[in-house]
Amino acid sequence: VEDIALLQKEMDEVAYARRKSVQKALQAEPLPVLGPEDHTVPAFVFLDMDSLEFSHRDVKNRLRIVDFFFTRCPTICPVMSSQMARMQHVLRVRNMHDDVLMMRHSSSPAHDRPDRLRAYGERIGVSPEQWQLLTGDKESIYAMAREGYFLTALESDTAAGGFFHSDLFALIDRSGQIRGYYDGTSTKEVDQLLDDTEQLWILNQ
């Protein structure tokens, strides 16, 4: 009897939290659409951790949280990876995990081949159905950063580890529009990213 009562309490709490989230989303100001007018993220084809092609077709009708990193990064990447791992958990708790995909693109693709991405992913707890680590042709990845997401990914003689990339997460809606940028090293901004993602999810945008 006590177990049933506890389960009912947990279900009631989840239902209450969902009602509050829906109410908040309906009352919130619409998120801006960023970038040039009518811009959407272009088509792409990269490789995932299993050496399989991963393309724009695989993200159809899903929200996306996107960034750039590399596995040997000695500075901000470990912090951003930790934030990604936290988002992976929160998205599952909020029952959004089937509709939101996290995508990380290596800015050092010559080194970060699929086997290295897989080892890195296993080390930080990546669940591939929620979180993809991607590699591919260097110029294609750099062009996607620059022209698709308006982020930075490039080789640099002065950057730690030899590569420079933005410290931002980009939020992409279901139609491929950019809806926000967030400091990937800030827990406060990542919390806002999660709330904004939930707003788009509830409103089916």
N, C-alpha and C. Protein backbone atom coordinates (compact mmCIF):
# COMPACT_ATOMS: atom_id res chain seq x y z
N VAL A 1 0.84 -1.20 0.00
CA VAL A 1 0.00 0.00 0.00
C VAL A 1 0.88 1.26 0.00
N GLU A 2 1.92 1.24 0.83
CA GLU A 2 2.82 2.40 0.89
C GLU A 2 3.50 2.62 -0.45
N ASP A 3 3.90 1.53 -1.12
CA ASP A 3 4.55 1.65 -2.43
C ASP A 3 3.59 2.25 -3.45
N ILE A 4 2.35 1.85 -3.43
CA ILE A 4 1.35 2.38 -4.36
C ILE A 4 1.13 3.87 -4.10
N ALA A 5 1.06 4.23 -2.82
CA ALA A 5 0.86 5.64 -2.46
C ALA A 5 2.05 6.49 -2.91
N LEU A 6 3.25 5.94 -2.74
CA LEU A 6 4.45 6.67 -3.14
C LEU A 6 4.48 6.85 -4.66
N LEU A 7 4.13 5.80 -5.38
CA LEU A 7 4.09 5.87 -6.83
C LEU A 7 3.07 6.90 -7.30
N GLN A 8 1.90 6.91 -6.66
CA GLN A 8 0.86 7.86 -7.02
C GLN A 8 1.33 9.29 -6.77
N LYS A 9 2.05 9.49 -5.66
CA LYS A 9 2.57 10.82 -5.34
C LYS A 9 3.56 11.27 -6.41
N GLU A 10 4.44 10.36 -6.83
CA GLU A 10 5.43 10.70 -7.85
C GLU A 10 4.74 11.03 -9.18
N MET A 11 3.71 10.27 -9.53
CA MET A 11 2.97 10.53 -10.76
C MET A 11 2.26 11.87 -10.70
N ASP A 12 1.70 12.19 -9.53
CA ASP A 12 1.03 13.48 -9.36
C ASP A 12 2.02 14.63 -9.49
N GLU A 13 3.23 14.45 -8.95
CA GLU A 13 4.25 15.49 -9.02
C GLU A 13 4.70 15.71 -10.46
N VAL A 14 4.86 14.62 -11.21
CA VAL A 14 5.25 14.72 -12.61
C VAL A 14 4.16 15.44 -13.41
N ALA A 15 2.91 15.07 -13.16
CA ALA A 15 1.78 15.70 -13.87
C ALA A 15 1.70 17.18 -13.53
N TYR A 16 1.91 17.53 -12.28
CA TYR A 16 1.87 18.93 -11.86
C TYR A 16 2.99 19.72 -12.54
N ALA A 17 4.20 19.14 -12.56
CA ALA A 17 5.33 19.81 -13.20
C ALA A 17 5.07 20.01 -14.68
N ARG A 18 4.45 19.02 -15.34
CA ARG A 18 4.15 19.16 -16.75
C ARG A 18 3.12 20.27 -16.99
N ARG A 19 2.08 20.35 -16.15
CA ARG A 19 1.09 21.42 -16.30
C ARG A 19 1.74 22.79 -16.14
N LYS A 20 2.64 22.92 -15.17
CA LYS A 20 3.33 24.19 -14.96
C LYS A 20 4.20 24.54 -16.17
N SER A 21 4.87 23.53 -16.74
CA SER A 21 5.72 23.77 -17.90
C SER A 21 4.90 24.22 -19.10
N VAL A 22 3.76 23.58 -19.31
CA VAL A 22 2.89 23.96 -20.44
C VAL A 22 2.38 25.38 -20.25
N GLN A 23 1.95 25.70 -19.03
CA GLN A 23 1.47 27.05 -18.74
C GLN A 23 2.56 28.09 -18.98
N LYS A 24 3.78 27.77 -18.54
CA LYS A 24 4.91 28.68 -18.72
C LYS A 24 5.21 28.88 -20.20
N ALA A 25 5.19 27.79 -20.97
CA ALA A 25 5.50 27.87 -22.40
C ALA A 25 4.46 28.70 -23.15
N LEU A 26 3.20 28.55 -22.78
CA LEU A 26 2.14 29.29 -23.45
C LEU A 26 2.18 30.78 -23.14
N GLN A 27 2.71 31.13 -21.97
CA GLN A 27 2.75 32.53 -21.55
C GLN A 27 4.06 33.22 -21.93
N ALA A 28 5.07 32.43 -22.29
CA ALA A 28 6.40 33.00 -22.56
C ALA A 28 6.43 33.75 -23.88
N GLU A 29 7.36 34.70 -23.97
CA GLU A 29 7.61 35.37 -25.24
C GLU A 29 8.18 34.36 -26.23
N PRO A 30 7.79 34.45 -27.49
CA PRO A 30 8.36 33.52 -28.49
C PRO A 30 9.87 33.67 -28.57
N LEU A 31 10.57 32.57 -28.76
CA LEU A 31 12.01 32.65 -28.93
C LEU A 31 12.32 33.29 -30.28
N PRO A 32 13.38 34.08 -30.34
CA PRO A 32 13.72 34.73 -31.62
C PRO A 32 14.22 33.70 -32.63
N VAL A 33 14.11 34.07 -33.89
CA VAL A 33 14.73 33.31 -34.97
C VAL A 33 15.99 34.07 -35.36
N LEU A 34 17.15 33.43 -35.24
CA LEU A 34 18.43 34.10 -35.43
C LEU A 34 19.03 33.81 -36.80
N GLY A 35 19.98 34.65 -37.19
CA GLY A 35 20.63 34.49 -38.48
C GLY A 35 19.93 35.30 -39.56
N PRO A 36 20.42 35.21 -40.79
CA PRO A 36 19.80 35.94 -41.90
C PRO A 36 18.36 35.50 -42.12
N GLU A 37 17.59 36.37 -42.73
CA GLU A 37 16.18 36.06 -42.99
C GLU A 37 16.05 34.77 -43.80
N ASP A 38 15.14 33.92 -43.35
CA ASP A 38 14.83 32.65 -44.01
C ASP A 38 15.97 31.62 -43.94
N HIS A 39 16.96 31.88 -43.08
CA HIS A 39 18.07 30.92 -42.97
C HIS A 39 17.63 29.65 -42.25
N THR A 40 17.99 28.52 -42.82
CA THR A 40 17.86 27.23 -42.14
C THR A 40 19.18 26.49 -42.28
N VAL A 41 19.46 25.61 -41.34
CA VAL A 41 20.70 24.84 -41.38
C VAL A 41 20.70 23.97 -42.64
N PRO A 42 21.76 24.04 -43.44
CA PRO A 42 21.76 23.30 -44.71
C PRO A 42 21.90 21.79 -44.52
N ALA A 43 21.65 21.07 -45.61
CA ALA A 43 21.81 19.62 -45.61
C ALA A 43 23.26 19.25 -45.30
N PHE A 44 23.46 18.09 -44.70
CA PHE A 44 24.81 17.65 -44.34
C PHE A 44 24.89 16.14 -44.35
N VAL A 45 26.11 15.63 -44.47
CA VAL A 45 26.39 14.21 -44.30
C VAL A 45 27.72 14.08 -43.58
N PHE A 46 27.71 13.52 -42.38
CA PHE A 46 28.92 13.27 -41.61
C PHE A 46 28.99 11.79 -41.23
N LEU A 47 29.95 11.42 -40.40
CA LEU A 47 30.08 10.05 -39.91
C LEU A 47 29.84 10.02 -38.41
N ASP A 48 29.13 9.00 -37.94
CA ASP A 48 28.89 8.88 -36.51
C ASP A 48 29.92 7.96 -35.86
N MET A 49 29.72 7.60 -34.62
CA MET A 49 30.68 6.81 -33.86
C MET A 49 30.81 5.38 -34.37
N ASP A 50 29.86 4.94 -35.19
CA ASP A 50 29.90 3.60 -35.76
C ASP A 50 30.37 3.61 -37.21
N SER A 51 30.94 4.72 -37.66
CA SER A 51 31.41 4.88 -39.03
C SER A 51 30.26 4.85 -40.04
N LEU A 52 29.05 5.13 -39.59
CA LEU A 52 27.89 5.17 -40.46
C LEU A 52 27.56 6.61 -40.82
N GLU A 53 27.02 6.79 -42.02
CA GLU A 53 26.61 8.13 -42.42
C GLU A 53 25.49 8.64 -41.51
N PHE A 54 25.64 9.87 -41.10
CA PHE A 54 24.61 10.55 -40.29
C PHE A 54 24.32 11.86 -41.01
N SER A 55 23.07 12.07 -41.41
CA SER A 55 22.76 13.23 -42.25
C SER A 55 21.56 14.00 -41.74
N HIS A 56 21.21 15.04 -42.48
CA HIS A 56 20.04 15.86 -42.15
C HIS A 56 18.77 15.02 -42.11
N ARG A 57 18.75 13.91 -42.84
CA ARG A 57 17.56 13.05 -42.83
C ARG A 57 17.35 12.41 -41.47
N ASP A 58 18.44 12.22 -40.73
CA ASP A 58 18.34 11.57 -39.42
C ASP A 58 17.86 12.52 -38.32
N VAL A 59 17.76 13.79 -38.62
CA VAL A 59 17.31 14.75 -37.59
C VAL A 59 15.95 15.35 -37.94
N LYS A 60 15.31 14.82 -38.96
CA LYS A 60 14.03 15.37 -39.39
C LYS A 60 13.02 15.37 -38.24
N ASN A 61 12.38 16.51 -38.05
CA ASN A 61 11.33 16.70 -37.03
C ASN A 61 11.84 16.58 -35.60
N ARG A 62 13.15 16.73 -35.40
CA ARG A 62 13.70 16.73 -34.04
C ARG A 62 14.32 18.08 -33.73
N LEU A 63 14.21 18.51 -32.49
CA LEU A 63 14.96 19.65 -32.02
C LEU A 63 16.42 19.24 -31.88
N ARG A 64 17.33 20.21 -32.00
CA ARG A 64 18.75 19.90 -31.93
C ARG A 64 19.48 20.87 -31.02
N ILE A 65 20.41 20.34 -30.25
CA ILE A 65 21.35 21.14 -29.49
C ILE A 65 22.73 20.81 -30.06
N VAL A 66 23.42 21.83 -30.57
CA VAL A 66 24.60 21.62 -31.41
C VAL A 66 25.81 22.36 -30.85
N ASP A 67 26.98 21.72 -30.97
CA ASP A 67 28.22 22.44 -30.68
C ASP A 67 29.38 21.80 -31.42
N PHE A 68 30.59 22.37 -31.20
CA PHE A 68 31.82 21.88 -31.80
C PHE A 68 32.83 21.64 -30.69
N PHE A 69 33.66 20.61 -30.84
CA PHE A 69 34.59 20.17 -29.79
C PHE A 69 35.71 19.37 -30.44
N PHE A 70 36.65 18.89 -29.65
CA PHE A 70 37.55 17.83 -30.10
C PHE A 70 38.03 17.04 -28.90
N THR A 71 38.33 15.77 -29.12
CA THR A 71 38.53 14.85 -28.00
C THR A 71 39.78 15.17 -27.19
N ARG A 72 40.77 15.83 -27.79
CA ARG A 72 42.01 16.15 -27.07
C ARG A 72 41.99 17.57 -26.50
N CYS A 73 40.86 18.23 -26.57
CA CYS A 73 40.74 19.61 -26.09
C CYS A 73 41.07 19.69 -24.60
N PRO A 74 42.04 20.52 -24.21
CA PRO A 74 42.44 20.59 -22.80
C PRO A 74 41.76 21.71 -22.01
N THR A 75 40.89 22.47 -22.65
CA THR A 75 40.36 23.66 -21.98
C THR A 75 38.86 23.54 -21.72
N ILE A 76 38.02 24.06 -22.63
CA ILE A 76 36.59 24.16 -22.35
C ILE A 76 35.81 22.88 -22.65
N CYS A 77 36.35 22.00 -23.48
CA CYS A 77 35.57 20.82 -23.88
C CYS A 77 35.14 19.94 -22.71
N PRO A 78 36.02 19.65 -21.74
CA PRO A 78 35.56 18.83 -20.62
C PRO A 78 34.38 19.44 -19.87
N VAL A 79 34.38 20.77 -19.74
CA VAL A 79 33.27 21.45 -19.07
C VAL A 79 32.00 21.32 -19.90
N MET A 80 32.13 21.55 -21.21
CA MET A 80 30.96 21.45 -22.08
C MET A 80 30.45 20.02 -22.17
N SER A 81 31.36 19.05 -22.14
CA SER A 81 30.94 17.64 -22.13
C SER A 81 30.15 17.32 -20.87
N SER A 82 30.60 17.87 -19.75
CA SER A 82 29.88 17.66 -18.49
C SER A 82 28.49 18.26 -18.56
N GLN A 83 28.36 19.43 -19.16
CA GLN A 83 27.05 20.05 -19.33
C GLN A 83 26.18 19.23 -20.28
N MET A 84 26.77 18.69 -21.33
CA MET A 84 26.03 17.83 -22.25
C MET A 84 25.50 16.59 -21.52
N ALA A 85 26.34 15.98 -20.70
CA ALA A 85 25.92 14.80 -19.95
C ALA A 85 24.76 15.15 -19.03
N ARG A 86 24.81 16.33 -18.42
CA ARG A 86 23.72 16.77 -17.55
C ARG A 86 22.45 16.98 -18.37
N MET A 87 22.58 17.59 -19.56
CA MET A 87 21.41 17.80 -20.40
C MET A 87 20.81 16.47 -20.84
N GLN A 88 21.65 15.51 -21.15
CA GLN A 88 21.16 14.19 -21.54
C GLN A 88 20.25 13.61 -20.46
N HIS A 89 20.67 13.76 -19.21
CA HIS A 89 19.88 13.25 -18.08
C HIS A 89 18.58 14.04 -17.91
N VAL A 90 18.67 15.37 -17.96
CA VAL A 90 17.48 16.20 -17.75
C VAL A 90 16.45 15.98 -18.85
N LEU A 91 16.90 15.86 -20.08
CA LEU A 91 15.98 15.62 -21.19
C LEU A 91 15.23 14.31 -21.01
N ARG A 92 15.92 13.32 -20.48
CA ARG A 92 15.25 12.04 -20.22
C ARG A 92 14.25 12.17 -19.07
N VAL A 93 14.63 12.87 -18.01
CA VAL A 93 13.73 13.08 -16.88
C VAL A 93 12.47 13.82 -17.33
N ARG A 94 12.64 14.78 -18.21
CA ARG A 94 11.49 15.57 -18.70
C ARG A 94 10.75 14.88 -19.85
N ASN A 95 11.18 13.66 -20.17
CA ASN A 95 10.53 12.85 -21.21
C ASN A 95 10.61 13.49 -22.58
N MET A 96 11.70 14.21 -22.84
CA MET A 96 11.91 14.89 -24.11
C MET A 96 12.95 14.18 -24.97
N HIS A 97 13.51 13.08 -24.48
CA HIS A 97 14.70 12.49 -25.10
C HIS A 97 14.45 11.94 -26.50
N ASP A 98 13.22 11.57 -26.82
CA ASP A 98 12.94 11.07 -28.17
C ASP A 98 12.86 12.17 -29.21
N ASP A 99 12.66 13.41 -28.76
CA ASP A 99 12.42 14.52 -29.68
C ASP A 99 13.55 15.53 -29.73
N VAL A 100 14.56 15.37 -28.88
CA VAL A 100 15.67 16.31 -28.83
C VAL A 100 16.97 15.55 -29.04
N LEU A 101 17.76 15.97 -30.02
CA LEU A 101 19.04 15.32 -30.32
C LEU A 101 20.18 16.29 -30.05
N MET A 102 21.18 15.84 -29.33
CA MET A 102 22.39 16.62 -29.11
C MET A 102 23.43 16.17 -30.14
N MET A 103 24.05 17.14 -30.82
CA MET A 103 25.00 16.86 -31.88
C MET A 103 26.29 17.62 -31.63
N ARG A 104 27.41 16.86 -31.54
CA ARG A 104 28.72 17.48 -31.37
C ARG A 104 29.57 17.15 -32.58
N HIS A 105 30.18 18.16 -33.17
CA HIS A 105 31.00 18.00 -34.37
C HIS A 105 32.47 18.20 -33.99
N SER A 106 33.34 17.29 -34.42
CA SER A 106 34.75 17.43 -34.08
C SER A 106 35.41 18.49 -34.96
N SER A 107 36.11 19.42 -34.33
CA SER A 107 36.89 20.40 -35.08
C SER A 107 38.28 19.87 -35.41
N SER A 108 38.55 18.62 -35.00
CA SER A 108 39.81 17.95 -35.33
C SER A 108 39.50 16.60 -35.97
N PRO A 109 38.81 16.60 -37.11
CA PRO A 109 38.30 15.35 -37.67
C PRO A 109 39.37 14.38 -38.14
N ALA A 110 40.55 14.88 -38.53
CA ALA A 110 41.60 13.97 -38.97
C ALA A 110 42.03 13.04 -37.83
N HIS A 111 42.03 13.55 -36.63
CA HIS A 111 42.36 12.72 -35.46
C HIS A 111 41.13 12.01 -34.92
N ASP A 112 40.04 12.73 -34.84
CA ASP A 112 38.82 12.19 -34.21
C ASP A 112 38.02 11.35 -35.19
N ARG A 113 38.60 10.21 -35.54
CA ARG A 113 37.88 9.27 -36.38
C ARG A 113 36.82 8.56 -35.53
N PRO A 114 35.90 7.82 -36.15
CA PRO A 114 34.80 7.21 -35.40
C PRO A 114 35.23 6.36 -34.20
N ASP A 115 36.33 5.60 -34.32
CA ASP A 115 36.74 4.76 -33.19
C ASP A 115 37.15 5.61 -31.99
N ARG A 116 37.79 6.74 -32.25
CA ARG A 116 38.17 7.63 -31.14
C ARG A 116 36.94 8.32 -30.56
N LEU A 117 36.00 8.68 -31.41
CA LEU A 117 34.77 9.27 -30.90
C LEU A 117 34.01 8.28 -30.03
N ARG A 118 33.99 7.02 -30.45
CA ARG A 118 33.29 6.00 -29.66
C ARG A 118 33.94 5.83 -28.29
N ALA A 119 35.26 5.74 -28.25
CA ALA A 119 35.96 5.61 -26.97
C ALA A 119 35.70 6.81 -26.08
N TYR A 120 35.72 8.00 -26.67
CA TYR A 120 35.45 9.23 -25.92
C TYR A 120 34.01 9.22 -25.41
N GLY A 121 33.09 8.82 -26.27
CA GLY A 121 31.69 8.77 -25.88
C GLY A 121 31.43 7.80 -24.76
N GLU A 122 32.06 6.65 -24.81
CA GLU A 122 31.89 5.67 -23.73
C GLU A 122 32.43 6.21 -22.42
N ARG A 123 33.50 6.99 -22.52
CA ARG A 123 34.12 7.54 -21.31
C ARG A 123 33.23 8.58 -20.63
N ILE A 124 32.47 9.35 -21.43
CA ILE A 124 31.67 10.43 -20.83
C ILE A 124 30.18 10.07 -20.75
N GLY A 125 29.82 8.85 -21.15
CA GLY A 125 28.44 8.39 -20.95
C GLY A 125 27.45 8.77 -22.02
N VAL A 126 27.90 8.81 -23.29
CA VAL A 126 27.01 9.16 -24.39
C VAL A 126 26.00 8.05 -24.65
N SER A 127 24.73 8.41 -24.76
CA SER A 127 23.67 7.51 -25.23
C SER A 127 23.39 7.89 -26.68
N PRO A 128 23.80 7.06 -27.66
CA PRO A 128 23.72 7.46 -29.07
C PRO A 128 22.34 7.85 -29.55
N GLU A 129 21.28 7.31 -28.94
CA GLU A 129 19.94 7.69 -29.39
C GLU A 129 19.61 9.14 -29.00
N GLN A 130 20.37 9.71 -28.07
CA GLN A 130 20.15 11.08 -27.64
C GLN A 130 21.26 12.03 -28.07
N TRP A 131 22.45 11.48 -28.31
CA TRP A 131 23.64 12.32 -28.38
C TRP A 131 24.59 11.72 -29.42
N GLN A 132 24.86 12.46 -30.49
CA GLN A 132 25.74 11.98 -31.55
C GLN A 132 27.04 12.78 -31.56
N LEU A 133 28.15 12.05 -31.66
CA LEU A 133 29.47 12.65 -31.89
C LEU A 133 29.81 12.42 -33.35
N LEU A 134 30.12 13.49 -34.07
CA LEU A 134 30.24 13.42 -35.52
C LEU A 134 31.61 13.86 -36.01
N THR A 135 32.06 13.23 -37.09
CA THR A 135 33.31 13.59 -37.74
C THR A 135 33.08 13.56 -39.24
N GLY A 136 34.14 13.83 -40.00
CA GLY A 136 33.99 13.83 -41.45
C GLY A 136 35.05 14.67 -42.11
N ASP A 137 34.76 15.16 -43.29
CA ASP A 137 35.67 16.02 -44.03
C ASP A 137 35.85 17.36 -43.30
N LYS A 138 37.11 17.73 -43.10
CA LYS A 138 37.40 18.95 -42.33
C LYS A 138 36.73 20.18 -42.91
N GLU A 139 36.85 20.36 -44.22
CA GLU A 139 36.29 21.56 -44.82
C GLU A 139 34.77 21.59 -44.70
N SER A 140 34.14 20.43 -44.79
CA SER A 140 32.68 20.37 -44.66
C SER A 140 32.24 20.74 -43.24
N ILE A 141 32.99 20.24 -42.26
CA ILE A 141 32.66 20.56 -40.86
C ILE A 141 32.87 22.04 -40.58
N TYR A 142 33.98 22.58 -41.05
CA TYR A 142 34.25 23.99 -40.81
C TYR A 142 33.22 24.87 -41.52
N ALA A 143 32.83 24.47 -42.73
CA ALA A 143 31.82 25.24 -43.46
C ALA A 143 30.47 25.17 -42.75
N MET A 144 30.14 24.00 -42.19
CA MET A 144 28.88 23.88 -41.46
C MET A 144 28.88 24.78 -40.23
N ALA A 145 30.00 24.82 -39.52
CA ALA A 145 30.10 25.71 -38.36
C ALA A 145 29.88 27.16 -38.79
N ARG A 146 30.59 27.56 -39.83
CA ARG A 146 30.60 28.96 -40.26
C ARG A 146 29.29 29.38 -40.93
N GLU A 147 28.81 28.57 -41.85
CA GLU A 147 27.68 28.97 -42.69
C GLU A 147 26.34 28.38 -42.24
N GLY A 148 26.40 27.27 -41.48
CA GLY A 148 25.17 26.65 -41.03
C GLY A 148 24.71 27.16 -39.68
N TYR A 149 25.68 27.23 -38.73
CA TYR A 149 25.33 27.60 -37.35
C TYR A 149 25.89 28.96 -36.94
N PHE A 150 26.74 29.56 -37.78
CA PHE A 150 27.39 30.83 -37.46
C PHE A 150 28.22 30.71 -36.18
N LEU A 151 28.90 29.57 -36.08
CA LEU A 151 29.85 29.31 -35.00
C LEU A 151 31.24 29.18 -35.61
N THR A 152 32.24 29.00 -34.76
CA THR A 152 33.62 28.92 -35.21
C THR A 152 34.20 27.55 -34.94
N ALA A 153 34.89 26.99 -35.93
CA ALA A 153 35.69 25.78 -35.77
C ALA A 153 36.81 25.87 -36.78
N LEU A 154 38.06 25.86 -36.31
CA LEU A 154 39.19 26.00 -37.23
C LEU A 154 40.49 25.59 -36.55
N GLU A 155 41.50 25.34 -37.38
CA GLU A 155 42.84 25.07 -36.87
C GLU A 155 43.45 26.38 -36.40
N SER A 156 44.26 26.31 -35.34
CA SER A 156 44.86 27.53 -34.81
C SER A 156 46.19 27.20 -34.14
N ASP A 157 47.23 27.91 -34.55
CA ASP A 157 48.55 27.71 -33.94
C ASP A 157 48.62 28.26 -32.53
N THR A 158 47.71 29.15 -32.20
CA THR A 158 47.77 29.80 -30.89
C THR A 158 46.79 29.20 -29.88
N ALA A 159 45.84 28.39 -30.34
CA ALA A 159 44.86 27.81 -29.42
C ALA A 159 45.41 26.56 -28.74
N ALA A 160 45.02 26.34 -27.50
CA ALA A 160 45.44 25.14 -26.78
C ALA A 160 44.92 23.91 -27.51
N GLY A 161 45.83 22.98 -27.80
CA GLY A 161 45.44 21.76 -28.51
C GLY A 161 45.48 21.90 -30.01
N GLY A 162 45.68 23.13 -30.54
CA GLY A 162 45.85 23.32 -31.97
C GLY A 162 44.57 23.62 -32.73
N PHE A 163 43.44 23.70 -32.03
CA PHE A 163 42.17 23.98 -32.70
C PHE A 163 41.37 24.97 -31.86
N PHE A 164 40.64 25.83 -32.55
CA PHE A 164 39.78 26.79 -31.87
C PHE A 164 38.34 26.51 -32.26
N HIS A 165 37.44 26.57 -31.29
CA HIS A 165 36.02 26.41 -31.58
C HIS A 165 35.20 27.23 -30.59
N SER A 166 33.99 27.56 -30.99
CA SER A 166 33.11 28.35 -30.14
C SER A 166 32.79 27.61 -28.84
N ASP A 167 32.53 28.37 -27.79
CA ASP A 167 32.13 27.78 -26.51
C ASP A 167 30.61 27.83 -26.34
N LEU A 168 29.89 27.88 -27.46
CA LEU A 168 28.44 28.04 -27.43
C LEU A 168 27.72 26.77 -27.84
N PHE A 169 26.55 26.56 -27.24
CA PHE A 169 25.59 25.59 -27.74
C PHE A 169 24.56 26.37 -28.56
N ALA A 170 24.18 25.82 -29.71
CA ALA A 170 23.13 26.41 -30.54
C ALA A 170 21.88 25.55 -30.44
N LEU A 171 20.73 26.20 -30.32
CA LEU A 171 19.44 25.51 -30.27
C LEU A 171 18.77 25.65 -31.64
N ILE A 172 18.45 24.51 -32.24
CA ILE A 172 17.86 24.47 -33.58
C ILE A 172 16.46 23.87 -33.47
N ASP A 173 15.48 24.55 -34.09
CA ASP A 173 14.11 24.04 -34.00
C ASP A 173 13.84 22.96 -35.05
N ARG A 174 12.62 22.46 -35.07
CA ARG A 174 12.29 21.33 -35.94
C ARG A 174 12.40 21.67 -37.42
N SER A 175 12.29 22.94 -37.76
CA SER A 175 12.37 23.35 -39.16
C SER A 175 13.78 23.75 -39.57
N GLY A 176 14.75 23.63 -38.65
CA GLY A 176 16.13 23.94 -38.98
C GLY A 176 16.53 25.38 -38.75
N GLN A 177 15.72 26.14 -38.03
CA GLN A 177 16.05 27.53 -37.73
C GLN A 177 16.80 27.62 -36.41
N ILE A 178 17.71 28.58 -36.32
CA ILE A 178 18.47 28.81 -35.08
C ILE A 178 17.62 29.65 -34.13
N ARG A 179 17.44 29.16 -32.91
CA ARG A 179 16.56 29.85 -31.96
C ARG A 179 17.29 30.38 -30.73
N GLY A 180 18.58 30.07 -30.58
CA GLY A 180 19.30 30.61 -29.44
C GLY A 180 20.73 30.12 -29.38
N TYR A 181 21.58 30.93 -28.71
CA TYR A 181 22.97 30.55 -28.41
C TYR A 181 23.16 30.66 -26.91
N TYR A 182 23.95 29.75 -26.34
CA TYR A 182 24.10 29.66 -24.89
C TYR A 182 25.54 29.30 -24.55
N ASP A 183 26.08 29.95 -23.55
CA ASP A 183 27.44 29.67 -23.08
C ASP A 183 27.50 28.24 -22.54
N GLY A 184 28.25 27.38 -23.20
CA GLY A 184 28.30 25.97 -22.83
C GLY A 184 29.09 25.68 -21.58
N THR A 185 29.73 26.72 -21.01
CA THR A 185 30.46 26.53 -19.75
C THR A 185 29.69 27.07 -18.55
N SER A 186 28.51 27.60 -18.80
CA SER A 186 27.71 28.23 -17.73
C SER A 186 26.49 27.38 -17.39
N THR A 187 26.41 26.91 -16.17
CA THR A 187 25.26 26.12 -15.74
C THR A 187 23.97 26.92 -15.85
N LYS A 188 24.04 28.20 -15.53
CA LYS A 188 22.85 29.05 -15.60
C LYS A 188 22.35 29.14 -17.04
N GLU A 189 23.26 29.33 -17.99
CA GLU A 189 22.83 29.46 -19.39
C GLU A 189 22.35 28.11 -19.94
N VAL A 190 22.97 27.03 -19.51
CA VAL A 190 22.52 25.71 -19.96
C VAL A 190 21.14 25.41 -19.38
N ASP A 191 20.88 25.84 -18.16
CA ASP A 191 19.53 25.70 -17.61
C ASP A 191 18.52 26.46 -18.47
N GLN A 192 18.91 27.66 -18.94
CA GLN A 192 18.01 28.42 -19.82
C GLN A 192 17.83 27.70 -21.14
N LEU A 193 18.90 27.11 -21.65
CA LEU A 193 18.80 26.32 -22.88
C LEU A 193 17.80 25.18 -22.72
N LEU A 194 17.85 24.49 -21.60
CA LEU A 194 16.91 23.40 -21.35
C LEU A 194 15.48 23.91 -21.30
N ASP A 195 15.26 25.05 -20.65
CA ASP A 195 13.91 25.61 -20.57
C ASP A 195 13.43 26.06 -21.96
N ASP A 196 14.32 26.67 -22.74
CA ASP A 196 13.93 27.11 -24.08
C ASP A 196 13.65 25.91 -24.99
N THR A 197 14.43 24.86 -24.82
CA THR A 197 14.18 23.64 -25.59
C THR A 197 12.82 23.06 -25.23
N GLU A 198 12.50 23.07 -23.95
CA GLU A 198 11.20 22.56 -23.51
C GLU A 198 10.06 23.42 -24.07
N GLN A 199 10.28 24.73 -24.13
CA GLN A 199 9.26 25.61 -24.70
C GLN A 199 8.98 25.24 -26.15
N LEU A 200 10.03 25.07 -26.96
CA LEU A 200 9.84 24.68 -28.35
C LEU A 200 9.18 23.31 -28.46
N TRP A 201 9.57 22.42 -27.57
CA TRP A 201 9.02 21.05 -27.58
C TRP A 201 7.51 21.07 -27.28
N ILE A 202 7.13 21.81 -26.27
CA ILE A 202 5.72 21.88 -25.89
C ILE A 202 4.90 22.53 -27.02
N LEU A 203 5.45 23.57 -27.64
CA LEU A 203 4.74 24.28 -28.70
C LEU A 203 4.90 23.61 -30.06
N ASN A 204 5.63 22.50 -30.10
CA ASN A 204 5.84 21.72 -31.34
C ASN A 204 6.46 22.59 -32.43
N GLN A 205 7.47 23.37 -32.05
CA GLN A 205 8.15 24.25 -33.02
C GLN A 205 9.49 23.67 -33.42
